Amino acid sequence: MLSVLTAVALVAGMLVVVFGGARALCSTREPVLVDVAAALDVAPAVMRAAGRFNETKSTAGGRCVLVQVTERPPATVLRTLIGERAGVLSERPDGWIADSSAWIRLAREQGASALQAGEAVVATSPLVFATRSSLAERFSIGETEMNWRMVFPPTVRGRVAPNENEPDVVRVPDPSLAGAGIATVAAARDVVGTGPAADKALTAFVRWAQAGSAPDYRSMLEAVDDRAFWQRPVVIVPEQSVWNHSLSASADPVVALHPREGTITLDYPYVVTAADPTVAEASAAFAAWLRGPEAQRLVREAGFRSGDGTQAPISPAPNVPVTNPKIRSSVSDEDIDEALRAWSRLAPPTNILVLTDTSEHMAEPLNGGTRVGVALSAARIGLQLFPDSTHMGFWEFAHRLGGGKGYAERVGLGPINRPETGELVRRGRLNELTTTLTAHPGRDSSLYDAILSGFREVGDKYREEMNNTLLVITSGRDDGRGLKPAELTERLRAEWKPDKPIQIIIIAFGKGVDRAGLAGITAATNGSLHVAQEPGEIIDVFLEALARRLCHPTCG
């Protein structure tokens, strides 16, 4: 009840600001009220514009028109318009200004009704790479230009960690919430191209971006000023948000930098969403007024570029380039829409149980260490790819381990950012295990029995909203004390449920792998088998497995 009252109070306060002296503005007793939902960054400028519009005493259906504007995240408006029931607005808006036309196209694609054709773009703002002034100077001295490949984790760029003359993190807005994030995914896809290697790189970007994405531009820019964790942060945001951030004085202000390959311009389209004909007419009148000279001046005074992109902000900030940036023309509307679809396939969190072989076979030498050492050192790097929304568990398996079960649970399947017991969160415990776990000399492998038990464990803790996976790290051998490959495959086929799919991914290290038996096991769950020799391969293997979400269920 408190949240409802707060919302009512906020809306009521907003009405006072937008309507002003409403009684003096309207001579009719029943004005046509137009409720406009606007993206958070453009909403303040549109509120000012609505106040001026209301003073014009425009009419629709013979009645006076009054417009009210409310800050609304695009994703929430989208869910409302397509008829979802959770996370929606209490009332359908009559007009919508999103922070990218991609939202409007997505709404139409998903069946939103009563959306008028021909939306009007009321403002634009190119994407920039933003960082502190002192860091920008450091990057310049080190001859580091901002570029779109910086959005990928260092492993995709051929190194374990960033060097001292480049950002140690490039954070992007959450593409499921912000237009700048959608455009960044499109730029990332455009940079890497298409094909299996490109899919892996895009998957790495998505996992990396999830770990550091933020819900809005304001909080991202505030994080640039926070020196508690990242030393050389860069964020990708619209130019206007840097302009707005610069209104607050700073000894080390945030500056906007253009990527060398060209950028993407965000548009802010107004679409009429009202179902009532008179309200739709009034909403369309406001949309047309927003494209006029007075409203465009208000938009440019707020740090945006004009709707057609030809006019810069009226009062440029000293730390924002005034020149028109180079545009990455190879990114089309279709590319942006496909990028949003790719994100929606790759981004859902993972519910994953990691099953690690600690039989005597994993003690065999491999590349200067042991198989288990190579596997776990790579797994330690791979942990960075999992955002805090992940659920993860960890088992080890070898014959007679766990009181005769053939496996031992080291970390129970659950939220990776929460402790299972005590104070240490699962991620910390998993990191510990990757440095302390060793193989057991003299113990055979119970691979097939452990796979069946792990598969059933994921099934018992299945999460509808997640991708459910059993990841098996193994020597690829079973010593024949339990299930045979054909028996395990038959049971998996019988227990696998198409409405609750669990994917088995097997990564086998070294030689002597039973490829035929393991391939049958993974095929039964639409999973995949990979044989690795080097530590870095486990990252590629896992990214390749995740990239299968882009083609599921038609993957080869």
Protein backbone atom coordinates (compact mmCIF):
# COMPACT_ATOMS: atom_id res chain seq x y z
CA MET A 1 0.00 0.00 0.00
CA LEU A 2 2.87 2.38 0.79
CA SER A 3 4.34 1.91 -2.71
CA VAL A 4 0.94 2.58 -4.29
CA LEU A 5 0.48 5.77 -2.28
CA THR A 6 3.98 6.88 -3.19
CA ALA A 7 3.31 6.30 -6.88
CA VAL A 8 0.05 8.25 -6.66
CA ALA A 9 1.82 11.10 -4.91
CA LEU A 10 4.54 11.20 -7.57
CA VAL A 11 2.05 11.22 -10.42
CA ALA A 12 -0.04 13.85 -8.69
CA GLY A 13 3.03 16.03 -8.24
CA MET A 14 3.90 15.55 -11.88
CA LEU A 15 0.45 16.64 -12.96
CA VAL A 16 0.89 19.93 -11.12
CA VAL A 17 4.15 20.60 -12.93
CA VAL A 18 2.94 19.63 -16.38
CA PHE A 19 -0.57 21.04 -16.25
CA GLY A 20 0.40 24.23 -14.45
CA GLY A 21 -2.73 26.38 -14.18
CA ALA A 22 -4.86 23.84 -15.98
CA ARG A 23 -8.15 25.64 -15.31
CA ALA A 24 -6.84 28.78 -16.95
CA LEU A 25 -5.57 26.85 -19.97
CA CYS A 26 -8.75 24.94 -20.80
CA SER A 27 -12.13 26.49 -21.27
CA THR A 28 -13.97 23.17 -21.56
CA ARG A 29 -15.08 21.25 -18.52
CA GLU A 30 -13.81 17.89 -19.74
CA PRO A 31 -10.38 18.24 -21.34
CA VAL A 32 -8.86 15.37 -23.30
CA LEU A 33 -6.13 14.01 -21.05
CA VAL A 34 -3.12 12.49 -22.83
CA ASP A 35 -0.80 10.32 -20.74
CA VAL A 36 2.66 10.07 -22.34
CA ALA A 37 5.24 7.54 -21.18
CA ALA A 38 8.80 8.74 -21.90
CA ALA A 39 12.20 7.10 -21.48
CA LEU A 40 13.99 8.31 -18.37
CA ASP A 41 16.66 10.45 -20.05
CA VAL A 42 14.33 12.31 -22.42
CA ALA A 43 11.39 12.65 -20.00
CA PRO A 44 12.49 15.94 -18.33
CA ALA A 45 12.73 17.74 -21.70
CA VAL A 46 9.37 16.34 -22.83
CA MET A 47 7.78 17.44 -19.54
CA ARG A 48 8.89 21.02 -20.24
CA ALA A 49 7.57 20.70 -23.77
CA ALA A 50 4.22 19.40 -22.51
CA GLY A 51 3.88 22.44 -20.27
CA ARG A 52 4.37 24.75 -23.26
CA PHE A 53 2.03 22.68 -25.43
CA ASN A 54 -0.72 22.86 -22.82
CA GLU A 55 -0.51 26.66 -23.00
CA THR A 56 -1.40 26.54 -26.71
CA LYS A 57 -4.96 25.39 -25.86
CA SER A 58 -4.92 22.81 -28.65
CA THR A 59 -8.15 20.90 -29.18
CA ALA A 60 -9.26 17.45 -30.27
CA GLY A 61 -12.88 16.51 -30.90
CA GLY A 62 -13.91 20.01 -29.85
CA ARG A 63 -12.28 19.63 -26.43
CA CYS A 64 -9.17 21.15 -24.92
CA VAL A 65 -6.06 18.88 -24.80
CA LEU A 66 -3.86 18.53 -21.71
CA VAL A 67 -0.74 16.35 -21.74
CA GLN A 68 0.94 14.74 -18.77
CA VAL A 69 4.36 13.03 -19.05
CA THR A 70 5.70 10.28 -16.84
CA GLU A 71 9.16 8.64 -16.74
CA ARG A 72 8.70 5.02 -17.80
CA PRO A 73 11.35 2.42 -18.71
CA PRO A 74 10.79 1.22 -22.31
CA ALA A 75 10.67 -2.45 -21.32
CA THR A 76 7.79 -1.78 -18.91
CA VAL A 77 5.82 0.09 -21.57
CA LEU A 78 6.49 -2.70 -24.07
CA ARG A 79 5.12 -5.35 -21.70
CA THR A 80 2.03 -3.22 -21.13
CA LEU A 81 1.33 -2.71 -24.83
CA ILE A 82 1.69 -6.39 -25.77
CA GLY A 83 -0.68 -7.46 -23.01
CA GLU A 84 1.59 -9.13 -20.47
CA ARG A 85 0.39 -9.27 -16.87
CA ALA A 86 3.58 -9.03 -14.84
CA GLY A 87 5.76 -5.92 -14.56
CA VAL A 88 3.31 -3.67 -16.40
CA LEU A 89 1.85 -0.18 -15.96
CA SER A 90 -1.47 0.24 -14.17
CA GLU A 91 -2.82 2.16 -17.18
CA ARG A 92 -1.99 1.94 -20.87
CA PRO A 93 -0.29 5.18 -22.04
CA ASP A 94 -1.69 7.28 -24.88
CA GLY A 95 1.71 8.13 -26.32
CA TRP A 96 5.16 6.57 -25.95
CA ILE A 97 8.65 7.99 -26.41
CA ALA A 98 11.19 5.16 -26.26
CA ASP A 99 14.99 5.54 -26.40
CA SER A 100 15.23 3.55 -29.64
CA SER A 101 12.95 2.75 -32.55
CA ALA A 102 13.87 -0.88 -31.90
CA TRP A 103 11.36 -0.91 -29.03
CA ILE A 104 8.57 0.25 -31.34
CA ARG A 105 9.41 -2.37 -33.96
CA LEU A 106 9.58 -5.04 -31.27
CA ALA A 107 6.18 -3.98 -29.90
CA ARG A 108 4.62 -4.31 -33.35
CA GLU A 109 6.35 -7.64 -33.93
CA GLN A 110 4.93 -9.00 -30.67
CA GLY A 111 1.38 -7.98 -31.48
CA ALA A 112 0.88 -4.63 -29.73
CA SER A 113 -2.47 -3.19 -30.76
CA ALA A 114 -3.52 0.38 -31.60
CA LEU A 115 -0.03 1.63 -32.48
CA GLN A 116 -0.34 4.30 -35.16
CA ALA A 117 2.03 4.15 -38.10
CA GLY A 118 4.57 6.87 -38.81
CA GLU A 119 6.12 7.63 -35.43
CA ALA A 120 7.88 11.01 -35.10
CA VAL A 121 11.50 11.17 -33.90
CA VAL A 122 11.66 14.02 -31.39
CA ALA A 123 15.37 13.82 -30.42
CA THR A 124 18.61 12.00 -31.24
CA SER A 125 21.86 11.35 -29.39
CA PRO A 126 24.91 9.43 -30.65
CA LEU A 127 26.51 6.77 -28.47
CA VAL A 128 29.85 7.73 -26.91
CA PHE A 129 32.52 6.05 -24.82
CA ALA A 130 32.65 7.99 -21.55
CA THR A 131 35.41 8.05 -18.96
CA ARG A 132 37.15 10.42 -16.56
CA SER A 133 39.19 13.22 -18.09
CA SER A 134 42.42 11.97 -16.48
CA LEU A 135 41.86 8.50 -17.94
CA ALA A 136 41.08 9.90 -21.38
CA GLU A 137 44.44 11.69 -21.29
CA ARG A 138 46.17 8.46 -20.19
CA PHE A 139 44.57 6.51 -23.03
CA SER A 140 45.63 9.22 -25.49
CA ILE A 141 49.23 9.14 -24.31
CA GLY A 142 49.19 5.35 -24.64
CA GLU A 143 47.74 5.75 -28.17
CA THR A 144 44.63 3.81 -27.20
CA GLU A 145 41.63 4.81 -29.28
CA MET A 146 38.14 3.90 -28.19
CA ASN A 147 36.83 1.06 -30.37
CA TRP A 148 33.98 -1.43 -30.35
CA ARG A 149 36.23 -4.44 -29.74
CA MET A 150 36.72 -3.10 -26.22
CA VAL A 151 33.26 -4.39 -25.32
CA PHE A 152 34.56 -7.96 -25.59
CA PRO A 153 36.38 -9.70 -22.71
CA PRO A 154 40.19 -9.74 -22.99
CA THR A 155 40.23 -13.47 -23.87
CA VAL A 156 38.41 -12.72 -27.15
CA ARG A 157 41.04 -10.09 -27.91
CA GLY A 158 43.90 -12.53 -27.41
CA ARG A 159 45.01 -11.68 -23.88
CA VAL A 160 44.22 -12.77 -20.33
CA ALA A 161 43.83 -9.24 -18.96
CA PRO A 162 43.74 -5.67 -20.38
CA ASN A 163 47.04 -3.84 -20.60
CA GLU A 164 47.75 -0.71 -18.56
CA ASN A 165 46.97 1.67 -21.42
CA GLU A 166 43.43 0.48 -22.08
CA PRO A 167 40.22 0.26 -20.02
CA ASP A 168 40.04 -2.53 -17.48
CA VAL A 169 36.27 -2.61 -17.99
CA VAL A 170 33.84 -1.27 -20.59
CA ARG A 171 30.35 -1.32 -19.11
CA VAL A 172 27.24 -1.24 -21.27
CA PRO A 173 23.61 -0.49 -20.44
CA ASP A 174 21.40 -3.55 -20.04
CA PRO A 175 19.99 -4.20 -23.55
CA SER A 176 16.81 -5.59 -22.04
CA LEU A 177 16.20 -2.16 -20.47
CA ALA A 178 17.97 0.53 -22.52
CA GLY A 179 18.27 1.44 -26.18
CA ALA A 180 22.00 2.15 -25.88
CA GLY A 181 22.51 -1.45 -24.82
CA ILE A 182 20.58 -2.74 -27.84
CA ALA A 183 22.72 -0.59 -30.16
CA THR A 184 25.91 -1.82 -28.47
CA VAL A 185 24.94 -5.45 -29.11
CA ALA A 186 24.38 -4.54 -32.77
CA ALA A 187 27.79 -2.87 -32.98
CA ALA A 188 29.42 -5.90 -31.35
CA ARG A 189 27.75 -8.25 -33.85
CA ASP A 190 28.78 -5.98 -36.72
CA VAL A 191 32.41 -5.99 -35.57
CA VAL A 192 32.76 -9.78 -35.35
CA GLY A 193 30.63 -10.68 -38.36
CA THR A 194 28.90 -14.05 -38.70
CA GLY A 195 29.80 -17.72 -38.41
CA PRO A 196 30.71 -20.07 -35.54
CA ALA A 197 33.71 -18.01 -34.35
CA ALA A 198 31.61 -14.84 -34.42
CA ASP A 199 28.83 -16.53 -32.46
CA LYS A 200 31.33 -17.52 -29.77
CA ALA A 201 32.70 -13.98 -29.61
CA LEU A 202 29.19 -12.51 -29.36
CA THR A 203 28.35 -15.00 -26.61
CA ALA A 204 31.46 -13.94 -24.71
CA PHE A 205 30.38 -10.32 -25.06
CA VAL A 206 26.91 -11.07 -23.71
CA ARG A 207 28.24 -12.96 -20.68
CA TRP A 208 30.83 -10.24 -20.04
CA ALA A 209 28.26 -7.46 -20.48
CA GLN A 210 25.78 -9.13 -18.12
CA ALA A 211 28.33 -9.12 -15.34
CA GLY A 212 28.77 -5.34 -15.60
CA SER A 213 25.60 -4.00 -17.19
CA ALA A 214 23.57 -1.29 -15.49
CA PRO A 215 19.86 -0.45 -15.69
CA ASP A 216 20.22 3.23 -16.63
CA TYR A 217 22.69 5.81 -17.90
CA ARG A 218 22.76 7.88 -14.74
CA SER A 219 24.00 5.05 -12.52
CA MET A 220 26.59 4.09 -15.15
CA LEU A 221 28.12 7.55 -15.16
CA GLU A 222 28.07 7.68 -11.37
CA ALA A 223 30.04 4.42 -11.41
CA VAL A 224 32.77 6.10 -13.49
CA ASP A 225 33.38 8.43 -10.55
CA ASP A 226 33.48 5.52 -8.09
CA ARG A 227 37.12 4.39 -7.72
CA ALA A 228 36.45 1.62 -5.24
CA PHE A 229 36.81 -1.29 -7.69
CA TRP A 230 37.59 -0.54 -11.35
CA GLN A 231 40.71 1.52 -11.98
CA ARG A 232 40.20 2.44 -15.65
CA PRO A 233 36.43 2.30 -16.33
CA VAL A 234 34.71 3.27 -19.57
CA VAL A 235 30.95 3.25 -20.11
CA ILE A 236 28.92 3.37 -23.33
CA VAL A 237 26.06 5.86 -23.03
CA PRO A 238 24.21 8.44 -25.15
CA GLU A 239 26.02 11.75 -25.61
CA GLN A 240 23.18 13.58 -23.83
CA SER A 241 23.74 11.67 -20.59
CA VAL A 242 27.34 12.93 -20.47
CA TRP A 243 26.06 16.44 -21.17
CA ASN A 244 23.61 16.10 -18.27
CA HIS A 245 26.25 14.60 -15.95
CA SER A 246 28.58 17.52 -16.67
CA LEU A 247 26.10 19.95 -15.06
CA SER A 248 27.58 18.87 -11.72
CA ALA A 249 31.05 20.31 -11.14
CA SER A 250 33.93 17.83 -10.82
CA ALA A 251 37.69 18.06 -10.45
CA ASP A 252 38.01 15.16 -12.90
CA PRO A 253 34.94 15.47 -15.14
CA VAL A 254 33.56 12.73 -17.34
CA VAL A 255 34.33 13.21 -21.03
CA ALA A 256 32.75 11.75 -24.17
CA LEU A 257 34.92 10.00 -26.77
CA HIS A 258 33.91 8.75 -30.21
CA PRO A 259 34.80 5.19 -31.29
CA ARG A 260 37.21 5.17 -34.22
CA GLU A 261 35.06 2.86 -36.40
CA GLY A 262 32.01 5.10 -36.14
CA THR A 263 29.09 5.17 -33.75
CA ILE A 264 25.34 4.53 -33.72
CA THR A 265 22.81 7.29 -33.10
CA LEU A 266 19.94 6.66 -30.73
CA ASP A 267 16.61 8.06 -31.83
CA TYR A 268 13.72 8.92 -29.52
CA PRO A 269 10.52 8.18 -31.44
CA TYR A 270 7.01 9.21 -30.39
CA VAL A 271 4.32 6.68 -31.27
CA VAL A 272 0.61 7.19 -30.65
CA THR A 273 -0.68 4.29 -28.55
CA ALA A 274 -4.17 5.49 -27.58
CA ALA A 275 -7.12 3.27 -28.56
CA ASP A 276 -9.78 5.98 -28.15
CA PRO A 277 -10.04 8.02 -31.41
CA THR A 278 -10.28 11.41 -29.70
CA VAL A 279 -7.38 10.70 -27.36
CA ALA A 280 -5.38 9.35 -30.31
CA GLU A 281 -6.05 12.59 -32.19
CA ALA A 282 -4.87 14.61 -29.18
CA SER A 283 -1.78 12.43 -28.78
CA ALA A 284 -0.95 12.86 -32.47
CA ALA A 285 -1.28 16.62 -32.10
CA PHE A 286 1.31 16.63 -29.32
CA ALA A 287 3.61 14.41 -31.40
CA ALA A 288 3.42 16.88 -34.30
CA TRP A 289 4.07 19.84 -31.96
CA LEU A 290 7.18 18.11 -30.60
CA ARG A 291 8.67 18.22 -34.10
CA GLY A 292 8.13 21.98 -34.30
CA PRO A 293 10.74 24.71 -33.60
CA GLU A 294 9.78 25.53 -29.99
CA ALA A 295 9.85 21.90 -28.80
CA GLN A 296 13.04 21.19 -30.75
CA ARG A 297 14.70 24.13 -29.01
CA LEU A 298 13.70 22.68 -25.61
CA VAL A 299 15.09 19.29 -26.60
CA ARG A 300 18.41 20.82 -27.71
CA GLU A 301 18.59 22.91 -24.53
CA ALA A 302 18.50 19.61 -22.63
CA GLY A 303 21.63 18.32 -24.41
CA PHE A 304 20.00 16.32 -27.20
CA ARG A 305 20.50 16.78 -30.91
CA SER A 306 17.47 17.63 -33.01
CA GLY A 307 15.07 14.95 -34.15
CA ASP A 308 16.56 14.94 -37.66
CA GLY A 309 20.10 14.89 -36.22
CA THR A 310 21.21 18.03 -38.07
CA GLN A 311 21.39 20.41 -35.10
CA ALA A 312 23.67 20.00 -32.09
CA PRO A 313 22.78 20.83 -28.46
CA ILE A 314 22.27 24.58 -27.99
CA SER A 315 24.76 24.82 -25.12
CA PRO A 316 27.47 22.21 -25.76
CA ALA A 317 29.31 20.91 -22.72
CA PRO A 318 33.10 21.49 -22.80
CA ASN A 319 33.74 17.76 -22.42
CA VAL A 320 31.38 16.64 -25.20
CA PRO A 321 32.54 16.87 -28.86
CA VAL A 322 30.53 19.42 -30.85
CA THR A 323 31.39 17.91 -34.22
CA ASN A 324 29.11 15.35 -35.80
CA PRO A 325 30.55 11.89 -35.12
CA LYS A 326 31.32 9.36 -37.82
CA ILE A 327 28.34 7.01 -38.12
CA ARG A 328 28.74 3.25 -38.43
CA SER A 329 26.53 2.99 -41.49
CA SER A 330 26.91 -0.80 -41.78
CA VAL A 331 24.51 -1.23 -38.82
CA SER A 332 20.94 -1.16 -40.15
CA ASP A 333 17.59 -1.26 -38.36
CA GLU A 334 17.40 -4.96 -39.25
CA ASP A 335 20.82 -5.52 -37.63
CA ILE A 336 19.66 -3.78 -34.46
CA ASP A 337 16.49 -5.88 -34.32
CA GLU A 338 18.46 -9.10 -34.84
CA ALA A 339 20.90 -8.02 -32.12
CA LEU A 340 18.00 -7.63 -29.70
CA ARG A 341 16.77 -11.12 -30.61
CA ALA A 342 20.27 -12.53 -30.13
CA TRP A 343 20.54 -10.93 -26.70
CA SER A 344 17.16 -12.36 -25.71
CA ARG A 345 18.43 -15.86 -26.58
CA LEU A 346 21.84 -15.53 -24.95
CA ALA A 347 21.05 -13.41 -21.91
CA PRO A 348 18.70 -15.57 -19.80
CA PRO A 349 20.58 -16.71 -16.68
CA THR A 350 21.98 -20.19 -16.32
CA ASN A 351 21.15 -22.90 -13.78
CA ILE A 352 24.25 -25.07 -14.04
CA LEU A 353 25.74 -28.01 -12.15
CA VAL A 354 29.46 -28.54 -12.80
CA LEU A 355 30.46 -32.21 -12.54
CA THR A 356 34.26 -32.62 -12.31
CA ASP A 357 36.18 -35.86 -12.73
CA THR A 358 38.72 -36.47 -9.93
CA SER A 359 39.47 -40.12 -10.75
CA GLU A 360 43.04 -41.35 -11.22
CA HIS A 361 42.83 -40.56 -14.94
CA MET A 362 42.70 -36.85 -14.17
CA ALA A 363 46.08 -37.10 -12.42
CA GLU A 364 47.76 -37.94 -15.74
CA PRO A 365 50.14 -35.26 -17.09
CA LEU A 366 48.92 -32.65 -19.57
CA ASN A 367 50.87 -29.61 -20.79
CA GLY A 368 53.20 -29.35 -17.81
CA GLY A 369 50.53 -30.10 -15.23
CA THR A 370 47.80 -32.62 -14.66
CA ARG A 371 44.49 -32.97 -16.47
CA VAL A 372 42.56 -31.85 -13.42
CA GLY A 373 44.90 -28.90 -12.87
CA VAL A 374 44.55 -27.73 -16.46
CA ALA A 375 40.78 -28.13 -16.34
CA LEU A 376 40.31 -26.30 -13.06
CA SER A 377 42.63 -23.41 -13.93
CA ALA A 378 40.55 -22.82 -17.03
CA ALA A 379 37.33 -23.17 -15.03
CA ARG A 380 38.58 -20.44 -12.71
CA ILE A 381 38.76 -18.05 -15.68
CA GLY A 382 35.40 -19.27 -16.94
CA LEU A 383 33.71 -18.33 -13.66
CA GLN A 384 34.11 -14.68 -14.67
CA LEU A 385 31.65 -15.25 -17.52
CA PHE A 386 28.78 -15.98 -15.14
CA PRO A 387 26.81 -12.98 -13.84
CA ASP A 388 25.34 -12.85 -10.34
CA SER A 389 21.98 -14.03 -11.69
CA THR A 390 23.50 -17.51 -12.21
CA HIS A 391 22.61 -20.56 -10.13
CA MET A 392 25.56 -22.94 -9.87
CA GLY A 393 26.60 -26.08 -8.04
CA PHE A 394 29.74 -28.23 -8.03
CA TRP A 395 30.23 -31.99 -7.67
CA GLU A 396 33.33 -34.13 -8.03
CA PHE A 397 33.13 -37.79 -9.01
CA ALA A 398 35.26 -40.94 -8.71
CA HIS A 399 34.52 -44.54 -7.72
CA ARG A 400 33.38 -44.98 -4.07
CA LEU A 401 33.41 -41.21 -3.50
CA GLY A 402 30.62 -39.78 -1.33
CA GLY A 403 30.02 -42.86 0.78
CA GLY A 404 29.77 -45.18 -2.18
CA LYS A 405 27.59 -42.98 -4.40
CA GLY A 406 30.43 -42.31 -6.83
CA TYR A 407 30.21 -38.54 -6.43
CA ALA A 408 30.50 -35.93 -3.67
CA GLU A 409 28.59 -32.66 -3.53
CA ARG A 410 31.00 -29.80 -2.82
CA VAL A 411 28.67 -26.86 -3.54
CA GLY A 412 24.91 -27.30 -3.66
CA LEU A 413 23.10 -25.93 -6.71
CA GLY A 414 21.85 -22.41 -5.91
CA PRO A 415 22.43 -18.63 -6.38
CA ILE A 416 26.10 -18.00 -7.14
CA ASN A 417 26.13 -14.69 -5.25
CA ARG A 418 24.73 -16.17 -2.03
CA PRO A 419 26.32 -18.47 0.55
CA GLU A 420 25.20 -22.05 0.86
CA THR A 421 26.33 -22.08 4.48
CA GLY A 422 28.33 -19.61 6.51
CA GLU A 423 29.32 -16.27 5.02
CA LEU A 424 31.31 -17.20 1.90
CA VAL A 425 29.13 -16.93 -1.22
CA ARG A 426 29.09 -19.80 -3.71
CA ARG A 427 31.30 -17.90 -6.17
CA GLY A 428 34.01 -17.61 -3.54
CA ARG A 429 33.71 -21.28 -2.61
CA LEU A 430 33.89 -22.28 -6.28
CA ASN A 431 37.03 -20.19 -6.73
CA GLU A 432 38.57 -21.97 -3.76
CA LEU A 433 37.79 -25.39 -5.21
CA THR A 434 39.47 -24.55 -8.51
CA THR A 435 42.76 -24.13 -6.60
CA THR A 436 42.48 -26.93 -4.01
CA LEU A 437 40.75 -29.86 -5.72
CA THR A 438 43.03 -32.75 -6.76
CA ALA A 439 42.66 -36.15 -8.39
CA HIS A 440 42.43 -39.34 -6.30
CA PRO A 441 45.16 -41.89 -7.17
CA GLY A 442 43.83 -45.43 -7.26
CA ARG A 443 40.17 -44.46 -7.78
CA ASP A 444 38.43 -45.49 -10.98
CA SER A 445 36.07 -43.26 -12.91
CA SER A 446 32.31 -43.47 -12.30
CA LEU A 447 31.55 -41.13 -15.20
CA TYR A 448 28.27 -42.58 -16.48
CA ASP A 449 26.67 -43.08 -13.07
CA ALA A 450 27.68 -39.54 -12.06
CA ILE A 451 26.18 -38.05 -15.24
CA LEU A 452 22.82 -39.67 -14.56
CA SER A 453 22.84 -38.47 -10.93
CA GLY A 454 23.85 -34.95 -11.98
CA PHE A 455 21.18 -34.86 -14.70
CA ARG A 456 18.52 -35.80 -12.15
CA GLU A 457 19.81 -33.19 -9.69
CA VAL A 458 19.41 -30.43 -12.28
CA GLY A 459 15.94 -31.79 -13.00
CA ASP A 460 15.01 -31.69 -9.31
CA LYS A 461 16.18 -28.06 -9.12
CA TYR A 462 14.95 -27.01 -12.55
CA ARG A 463 14.38 -23.28 -13.09
CA GLU A 464 11.78 -22.32 -15.70
CA GLU A 465 13.27 -18.87 -16.31
CA MET A 466 16.82 -20.17 -16.80
CA ASN A 467 18.84 -22.31 -19.18
CA ASN A 468 19.39 -25.57 -17.30
CA THR A 469 22.72 -27.26 -17.93
CA LEU A 470 24.90 -30.11 -16.67
CA LEU A 471 28.55 -29.33 -17.47
CA VAL A 472 30.84 -32.36 -17.23
CA ILE A 473 34.62 -31.89 -17.07
CA THR A 474 36.26 -35.30 -17.48
CA SER A 475 39.05 -37.49 -18.83
CA GLY A 476 36.36 -39.02 -21.01
CA ARG A 477 36.69 -42.50 -19.57
CA ASP A 478 34.48 -44.74 -17.47
CA ASP A 479 35.99 -47.88 -15.89
CA GLY A 480 32.91 -50.01 -16.35
CA ARG A 481 31.78 -50.50 -12.77
CA GLY A 482 28.28 -49.17 -13.35
CA LEU A 483 26.09 -48.04 -16.24
CA LYS A 484 27.15 -48.70 -19.83
CA PRO A 485 26.98 -45.84 -22.39
CA ALA A 486 23.96 -47.34 -24.16
CA GLU A 487 22.13 -47.78 -20.84
CA LEU A 488 22.78 -44.18 -19.81
CA THR A 489 21.68 -42.88 -23.22
CA GLU A 490 18.45 -44.87 -23.02
CA ARG A 491 17.65 -43.52 -19.55
CA LEU A 492 18.41 -39.94 -20.58
CA ARG A 493 16.10 -40.22 -23.59
CA ALA A 494 13.36 -41.60 -21.37
CA GLU A 495 13.77 -38.89 -18.70
CA TRP A 496 14.50 -35.85 -20.91
CA LYS A 497 11.45 -33.59 -21.12
CA PRO A 498 10.98 -31.23 -24.09
CA ASP A 499 9.02 -28.77 -21.90
CA LYS A 500 11.81 -28.82 -19.29
CA PRO A 501 14.97 -29.34 -21.35
CA ILE A 502 18.31 -29.98 -19.66
CA GLN A 503 21.41 -29.73 -21.84
CA ILE A 504 24.45 -31.90 -21.13
CA ILE A 505 27.78 -30.39 -22.19
CA ILE A 506 30.83 -32.63 -21.86
CA ILE A 507 34.39 -31.31 -22.01
CA ALA A 508 36.92 -34.14 -22.15
CA PHE A 509 40.63 -33.48 -21.60
CA GLY A 510 43.49 -35.42 -23.13
CA LYS A 511 43.62 -38.61 -25.18
CA GLY A 512 41.71 -41.87 -24.87
CA VAL A 513 38.30 -40.22 -24.89
CA ASP A 514 35.30 -42.47 -25.61
CA ARG A 515 33.96 -40.14 -28.30
CA ALA A 516 31.24 -42.46 -29.60
CA GLY A 517 29.75 -43.18 -26.18
CA LEU A 518 29.90 -39.57 -25.02
CA ALA A 519 28.48 -38.19 -28.27
CA GLY A 520 25.42 -40.40 -27.87
CA ILE A 521 24.92 -39.11 -24.33
CA THR A 522 25.06 -35.43 -25.30
CA ALA A 523 22.89 -35.96 -28.39
CA ALA A 524 20.13 -37.38 -26.18
CA THR A 525 19.79 -33.92 -24.56
CA ASN A 526 20.60 -31.71 -27.58
CA GLY A 527 23.92 -31.03 -25.86
CA SER A 528 27.47 -31.09 -27.18
CA LEU A 529 30.78 -32.93 -26.76
CA HIS A 530 34.15 -31.19 -26.92
CA VAL A 531 37.70 -32.54 -26.56
CA ALA A 532 40.27 -30.05 -25.22
CA GLN A 533 44.02 -30.08 -24.77
CA GLU A 534 44.81 -26.52 -23.64
CA PRO A 535 43.49 -24.51 -20.65
CA GLY A 536 42.18 -21.74 -22.90
CA GLU A 537 40.12 -24.20 -24.89
CA ILE A 538 37.64 -24.69 -22.06
CA ILE A 539 36.56 -21.06 -22.45
CA ASP A 540 36.07 -21.48 -26.20
CA VAL A 541 34.24 -24.74 -25.63
CA PHE A 542 31.84 -23.28 -23.13
CA LEU A 543 31.19 -20.20 -25.27
CA GLU A 544 30.55 -22.46 -28.25
CA ALA A 545 28.04 -24.44 -26.19
CA LEU A 546 26.28 -21.27 -25.05
CA ALA A 547 26.27 -19.95 -28.62
CA ARG A 548 24.05 -22.88 -29.56
CA ARG A 549 21.21 -20.85 -28.05
CA LEU A 550 21.40 -18.64 -31.15
CA CYS A 551 20.33 -21.52 -33.40
CA HIS A 552 18.37 -23.75 -30.98
CA PRO A 553 16.49 -25.95 -31.78
CA THR A 554 17.91 -26.18 -35.32
CA CYS A 555 21.61 -26.47 -34.39
CA GLY A 556 23.62 -29.05 -36.28
